[in-house]
């Protein structure tokens, strides 16, 4: 089955809004594990389950492959992702082991589609559109690359334009 989307559920080495930093391989035991895909961490209500996500441990974080279910909420979320209205992901994890705000181990319990994520690198980077004839169309005309690093931009003054010299002929 082709995933509806994929992206980083959490990116390692980036400071999250709660002050924690997920370290590389903090969730390595969950490589290949399937967890619920929910809306805005609403894991206390079955109607908030939009589908599931398959986790993949990577050197730079946990990547996930998302699959929407056939519920009205799941199909609505699928449209929001296809139209790029929703781009952020987030995780709910417990059993955390952390040292100095650095998470070195834990268990991801769900991946959420969110309006704004805590981890700046937790974003959807690939969307697949399924057509009514059963064919799939990956959206390959764009690439979203997130490093989580702030790029410095140095403003350089533009050079002065060459002076315009006009030759004026005065008739007497």
C-alpha atoms as a PDB file:
ATOM      1  CA  UNK A   1       0.000   0.000   0.000  1.00  0.00           C
ATOM      2  CA  UNK A   2       1.320   3.447  -0.946  1.00  0.00           C
ATOM      3  CA  UNK A   3       1.481   5.983   1.891  1.00  0.00           C
ATOM      4  CA  UNK A   4      -0.691   9.080   1.591  1.00  0.00           C
ATOM      5  CA  UNK A   5       2.165  11.230   2.875  1.00  0.00           C
ATOM      6  CA  UNK A   6       5.502  11.040   4.646  1.00  0.00           C
ATOM      7  CA  UNK A   7       7.647  13.327   6.718  1.00  0.00           C
ATOM      8  CA  UNK A   8       9.546  13.711   9.940  1.00  0.00           C
ATOM      9  CA  UNK A   9       7.480  12.913  13.022  1.00  0.00           C
ATOM     10  CA  UNK A  10      10.348  14.414  15.006  1.00  0.00           C
ATOM     11  CA  UNK A  11      13.753  15.698  13.971  1.00  0.00           C
ATOM     12  CA  UNK A  12      16.813  14.992  16.117  1.00  0.00           C
ATOM     13  CA  UNK A  13      19.106  17.740  17.360  1.00  0.00           C
ATOM     14  CA  UNK A  14      16.528  20.546  17.242  1.00  0.00           C
ATOM     15  CA  UNK A  15      15.259  22.322  20.342  1.00  0.00           C
ATOM     16  CA  UNK A  16      11.497  21.903  20.685  1.00  0.00           C
ATOM     17  CA  UNK A  17       9.159  24.561  22.033  1.00  0.00           C
ATOM     18  CA  UNK A  18       9.047  22.732  25.399  1.00  0.00           C
ATOM     19  CA  UNK A  19      12.824  23.168  25.737  1.00  0.00           C
ATOM     20  CA  UNK A  20      13.649  19.516  25.055  1.00  0.00           C
ATOM     21  CA  UNK A  21      15.920  18.266  22.296  1.00  0.00           C
ATOM     22  CA  UNK A  22      15.345  14.820  20.796  1.00  0.00           C
ATOM     23  CA  UNK A  23      18.693  13.085  20.394  1.00  0.00           C
ATOM     24  CA  UNK A  24      19.542  10.755  17.474  1.00  0.00           C
ATOM     25  CA  UNK A  25      18.134   7.230  17.887  1.00  0.00           C
ATOM     26  CA  UNK A  26      16.089   8.157  20.977  1.00  0.00           C
ATOM     27  CA  UNK A  27      13.225   6.078  19.552  1.00  0.00           C
ATOM     28  CA  UNK A  28      15.271   3.464  17.654  1.00  0.00           C
ATOM     29  CA  UNK A  29      13.369   0.538  19.201  1.00  0.00           C
ATOM     30  CA  UNK A  30      10.262   1.714  17.359  1.00  0.00           C
ATOM     31  CA  UNK A  31      11.674   1.348  13.869  1.00  0.00           C
ATOM     32  CA  UNK A  32       8.866  -0.246  11.818  1.00  0.00           C
ATOM     33  CA  UNK A  33       6.220   0.200  14.536  1.00  0.00           C
ATOM     34  CA  UNK A  34       2.708   1.361  13.579  1.00  0.00           C
ATOM     35  CA  UNK A  35       1.071   4.022  15.772  1.00  0.00           C
ATOM     36  CA  UNK A  36      -2.230   5.920  15.487  1.00  0.00           C
ATOM     37  CA  UNK A  37      -2.338   9.070  13.374  1.00  0.00           C
ATOM     38  CA  UNK A  38      -4.529  11.600  15.182  1.00  0.00           C
ATOM     39  CA  UNK A  39      -5.615  15.219  15.001  1.00  0.00           C
ATOM     40  CA  UNK A  40      -3.908  17.674  17.401  1.00  0.00           C
ATOM     41  CA  UNK A  41      -2.963  14.967  19.957  1.00  0.00           C
ATOM     42  CA  UNK A  42      -6.626  14.099  20.523  1.00  0.00           C
ATOM     43  CA  UNK A  43      -5.850  10.516  21.498  1.00  0.00           C
ATOM     44  CA  UNK A  44      -8.637  10.403  24.098  1.00  0.00           C
ATOM     45  CA  UNK A  45     -11.425  10.335  21.494  1.00  0.00           C
ATOM     46  CA  UNK A  46     -11.753   7.607  18.821  1.00  0.00           C
ATOM     47  CA  UNK A  47     -13.197  10.122  16.339  1.00  0.00           C
ATOM     48  CA  UNK A  48      -9.829  11.923  16.333  1.00  0.00           C
ATOM     49  CA  UNK A  49      -8.050   8.910  14.847  1.00  0.00           C
ATOM     50  CA  UNK A  50      -7.356   9.769  11.207  1.00  0.00           C
ATOM     51  CA  UNK A  51      -5.399   6.646  10.283  1.00  0.00           C
ATOM     52  CA  UNK A  52      -1.996   5.273  11.208  1.00  0.00           C
ATOM     53  CA  UNK A  53       1.689   6.054  10.790  1.00  0.00           C
ATOM     54  CA  UNK A  54       4.584   3.643  10.317  1.00  0.00           C
ATOM     55  CA  UNK A  55       7.751   4.869  12.045  1.00  0.00           C
ATOM     56  CA  UNK A  56      11.246   4.689  10.597  1.00  0.00           C
ATOM     57  CA  UNK A  57      14.305   5.394  12.735  1.00  0.00           C
ATOM     58  CA  UNK A  58      16.858   7.540  10.917  1.00  0.00           C
ATOM     59  CA  UNK A  59      20.118   9.136  11.959  1.00  0.00           C
ATOM     60  CA  UNK A  60      18.459  12.560  11.968  1.00  0.00           C
ATOM     61  CA  UNK A  61      15.160  11.663  13.629  1.00  0.00           C
ATOM     62  CA  UNK A  62      12.037   9.580  13.237  1.00  0.00           C
ATOM     63  CA  UNK A  63      10.495   9.574   9.777  1.00  0.00           C
ATOM     64  CA  UNK A  64       6.934   8.364   9.296  1.00  0.00           C
ATOM     65  CA  UNK A  65       4.669   7.147   6.523  1.00  0.00           C
ATOM     66  CA  UNK A  66       1.062   8.231   7.041  1.00  0.00           C
ATOM     67  CA  UNK A  67      -2.045   6.391   5.897  1.00  0.00           C
ATOM     68  CA  UNK A  68      -5.492   7.963   6.226  1.00  0.00           C
ATOM     69  CA  UNK A  69      -8.525   5.857   7.101  1.00  0.00           C
ATOM     70  CA  UNK A  70     -11.875   6.025   5.289  1.00  0.00           C
ATOM     71  CA  UNK A  71     -13.683   8.005   8.003  1.00  0.00           C
ATOM     72  CA  UNK A  72     -14.994  11.465   7.212  1.00  0.00           C
ATOM     73  CA  UNK A  73     -12.335  12.960   9.500  1.00  0.00           C
ATOM     74  CA  UNK A  74      -9.590  10.885   7.833  1.00  0.00           C
ATOM     75  CA  UNK A  75     -10.649  11.919   4.344  1.00  0.00           C
ATOM     76  CA  UNK A  76     -10.957  15.561   5.370  1.00  0.00           C
ATOM     77  CA  UNK A  77      -7.441  15.451   6.840  1.00  0.00           C
ATOM     78  CA  UNK A  78      -6.191  13.849   3.627  1.00  0.00           C
ATOM     79  CA  UNK A  79      -7.564  16.778   1.612  1.00  0.00           C
ATOM     80  CA  UNK A  80      -5.993  19.269   4.014  1.00  0.00           C
ATOM     81  CA  UNK A  81      -2.594  17.587   3.566  1.00  0.00           C
ATOM     82  CA  UNK A  82      -2.957  17.299  -0.232  1.00  0.00           C
ATOM     83  CA  UNK A  83      -3.780  21.015  -0.456  1.00  0.00           C
ATOM     84  CA  UNK A  84      -0.889  21.869   1.897  1.00  0.00           C
ATOM     85  CA  UNK A  85      -3.218  23.438   4.439  1.00  0.00           C
ATOM     86  CA  UNK A  86      -1.628  21.217   7.099  1.00  0.00           C
ATOM     87  CA  UNK A  87       2.143  20.670   6.954  1.00  0.00           C
ATOM     88  CA  UNK A  88       3.251  20.042  10.543  1.00  0.00           C
ATOM     89  CA  UNK A  89       3.578  16.831  12.529  1.00  0.00           C
ATOM     90  CA  UNK A  90       4.079  16.183  16.212  1.00  0.00           C
ATOM     91  CA  UNK A  91       4.530  13.186  18.488  1.00  0.00           C
ATOM     92  CA  UNK A  92       3.136  12.158  21.827  1.00  0.00           C
ATOM     93  CA  UNK A  93       5.717  10.060  23.649  1.00  0.00           C
ATOM     94  CA  UNK A  94       6.116   8.685  27.149  1.00  0.00           C
ATOM     95  CA  UNK A  95       8.644   6.616  29.081  1.00  0.00           C
ATOM     96  CA  UNK A  96      11.095   9.422  28.365  1.00  0.00           C
ATOM     97  CA  UNK A  97      14.629   9.275  29.645  1.00  0.00           C
ATOM     98  CA  UNK A  98      16.267  12.657  29.453  1.00  0.00           C
ATOM     99  CA  UNK A  99      19.374  14.339  30.731  1.00  0.00           C
ATOM    100  CA  UNK A 100      19.676  18.110  30.775  1.00  0.00           C
ATOM    101  CA  UNK A 101      16.573  18.449  28.568  1.00  0.00           C
ATOM    102  CA  UNK A 102      18.015  15.996  26.019  1.00  0.00           C
ATOM    103  CA  UNK A 103      15.699  13.063  25.304  1.00  0.00           C
ATOM    104  CA  UNK A 104      17.789   9.925  24.830  1.00  0.00           C
ATOM    105  CA  UNK A 105      15.028   7.302  24.985  1.00  0.00           C
ATOM    106  CA  UNK A 106      11.264   7.058  24.891  1.00  0.00           C
ATOM    107  CA  UNK A 107       8.210   5.472  23.323  1.00  0.00           C
ATOM    108  CA  UNK A 108       6.165   7.243  20.649  1.00  0.00           C
ATOM    109  CA  UNK A 109       2.466   6.534  21.255  1.00  0.00           C
ATOM    110  CA  UNK A 110       0.965   8.554  18.404  1.00  0.00           C
ATOM    111  CA  UNK A 111       1.811  10.917  15.572  1.00  0.00           C
ATOM    112  CA  UNK A 112      -0.412  13.962  15.160  1.00  0.00           C
ATOM    113  CA  UNK A 113      -1.272  16.259  12.332  1.00  0.00           C
ATOM    114  CA  UNK A 114      -1.025  19.684  13.945  1.00  0.00           C
ATOM    115  CA  UNK A 115      -1.426  23.313  13.001  1.00  0.00           C
ATOM    116  CA  UNK A 116       1.954  24.119  14.508  1.00  0.00           C
ATOM    117  CA  UNK A 117       4.404  21.581  15.847  1.00  0.00           C
ATOM    118  CA  UNK A 118       6.760  21.770  18.817  1.00  0.00           C
ATOM    119  CA  UNK A 119       9.714  20.448  16.793  1.00  0.00           C
ATOM    120  CA  UNK A 120      10.677  22.836  13.962  1.00  0.00           C
ATOM    121  CA  UNK A 121      11.744  19.965  11.697  1.00  0.00           C
ATOM    122  CA  UNK A 122       8.636  17.801  12.144  1.00  0.00           C
ATOM    123  CA  UNK A 123       7.042  18.464   8.785  1.00  0.00           C
ATOM    124  CA  UNK A 124       5.380  16.649   5.911  1.00  0.00           C
ATOM    125  CA  UNK A 125       7.757  16.544   2.961  1.00  0.00           C
ATOM    126  CA  UNK A 126       6.057  14.183   0.506  1.00  0.00           C
ATOM    127  CA  UNK A 127       2.402  13.770  -0.501  1.00  0.00           C
ATOM    128  CA  UNK A 128       0.889  11.123  -2.782  1.00  0.00           C
ATOM    129  CA  UNK A 129      -2.420  11.805  -4.507  1.00  0.00           C
ATOM    130  CA  UNK A 130      -4.600   8.797  -5.323  1.00  0.00           C
ATOM    131  CA  UNK A 131      -6.812   9.142  -8.400  1.00  0.00           C
ATOM    132  CA  UNK A 132     -10.242   7.583  -8.842  1.00  0.00           C
ATOM    133  CA  UNK A 133      -8.814   5.090 -11.361  1.00  0.00           C
ATOM    134  CA  UNK A 134      -6.551   3.669  -8.637  1.00  0.00           C
ATOM    135  CA  UNK A 135      -3.346   5.261  -9.912  1.00  0.00           C
ATOM    136  CA  UNK A 136      -1.087   7.297  -7.654  1.00  0.00           C
ATOM    137  CA  UNK A 137       0.625  10.553  -8.407  1.00  0.00           C
ATOM    138  CA  UNK A 138       3.545  11.583  -6.247  1.00  0.00           C
ATOM    139  CA  UNK A 139       3.877  15.337  -6.008  1.00  0.00           C
ATOM    140  CA  UNK A 140       7.407  15.492  -7.405  1.00  0.00           C
ATOM    141  CA  UNK A 141       7.435  19.023  -8.735  1.00  0.00           C
ATOM    142  CA  UNK A 142       8.404  20.373  -5.341  1.00  0.00           C
ATOM    143  CA  UNK A 143      10.740  19.479  -2.530  1.00  0.00           C
ATOM    144  CA  UNK A 144      10.561  20.809   0.982  1.00  0.00           C
ATOM    145  CA  UNK A 145      13.884  20.562   2.733  1.00  0.00           C
ATOM    146  CA  UNK A 146      14.059  21.436   6.400  1.00  0.00           C
ATOM    147  CA  UNK A 147      17.255  21.472   8.380  1.00  0.00           C
ATOM    148  CA  UNK A 148      16.029  23.354  11.402  1.00  0.00           C
ATOM    149  CA  UNK A 149      18.970  25.704  11.061  1.00  0.00           C
ATOM    150  CA  UNK A 150      18.513  29.431  10.825  1.00  0.00           C
ATOM    151  CA  UNK A 151      20.270  30.789   7.779  1.00  0.00           C
ATOM    152  CA  UNK A 152      22.052  34.095   8.077  1.00  0.00           C
ATOM    153  CA  UNK A 153      21.410  36.561   5.283  1.00  0.00           C
ATOM    154  CA  UNK A 154      23.939  39.271   4.719  1.00  0.00           C
ATOM    155  CA  UNK A 155      22.523  42.344   3.041  1.00  0.00           C
ATOM    156  CA  UNK A 156      25.021  43.689   0.598  1.00  0.00           C
ATOM    157  CA  UNK A 157      24.486  47.124  -0.862  1.00  0.00           C
ATOM    158  CA  UNK A 158      23.830  47.104  -4.538  1.00  0.00           C
ATOM    159  CA  UNK A 159      26.508  48.823  -6.598  1.00  0.00           C
ATOM    160  CA  UNK A 160      25.709  52.249  -7.900  1.00  0.00           C
ATOM    161  CA  UNK A 161      24.535  52.128 -11.471  1.00  0.00           C
ATOM    162  CA  UNK A 162      26.850  53.408 -14.136  1.00  0.00           C
ATOM    163  CA  UNK A 163      26.279  57.124 -14.592  1.00  0.00           C
ATOM    164  CA  UNK A 164      24.253  57.956 -17.648  1.00  0.00           C
ATOM    165  CA  UNK A 165      25.900  60.496 -19.821  1.00  0.00           C
ATOM    166  CA  UNK A 166      23.646  62.188 -22.282  1.00  0.00           C
ATOM    167  CA  UNK A 167      25.019  64.183 -25.087  1.00  0.00           C
ATOM    168  CA  UNK A 168      23.031  67.336 -25.525  1.00  0.00           C
ATOM    169  CA  UNK A 169      23.290  69.174 -28.792  1.00  0.00           C
ATOM    170  CA  UNK A 170      22.295  72.816 -28.624  1.00  0.00           C
ATOM    171  CA  UNK A 171      21.463  74.422 -31.912  1.00  0.00           C
ATOM    172  CA  UNK A 172      22.095  78.121 -32.162  1.00  0.00           C
END
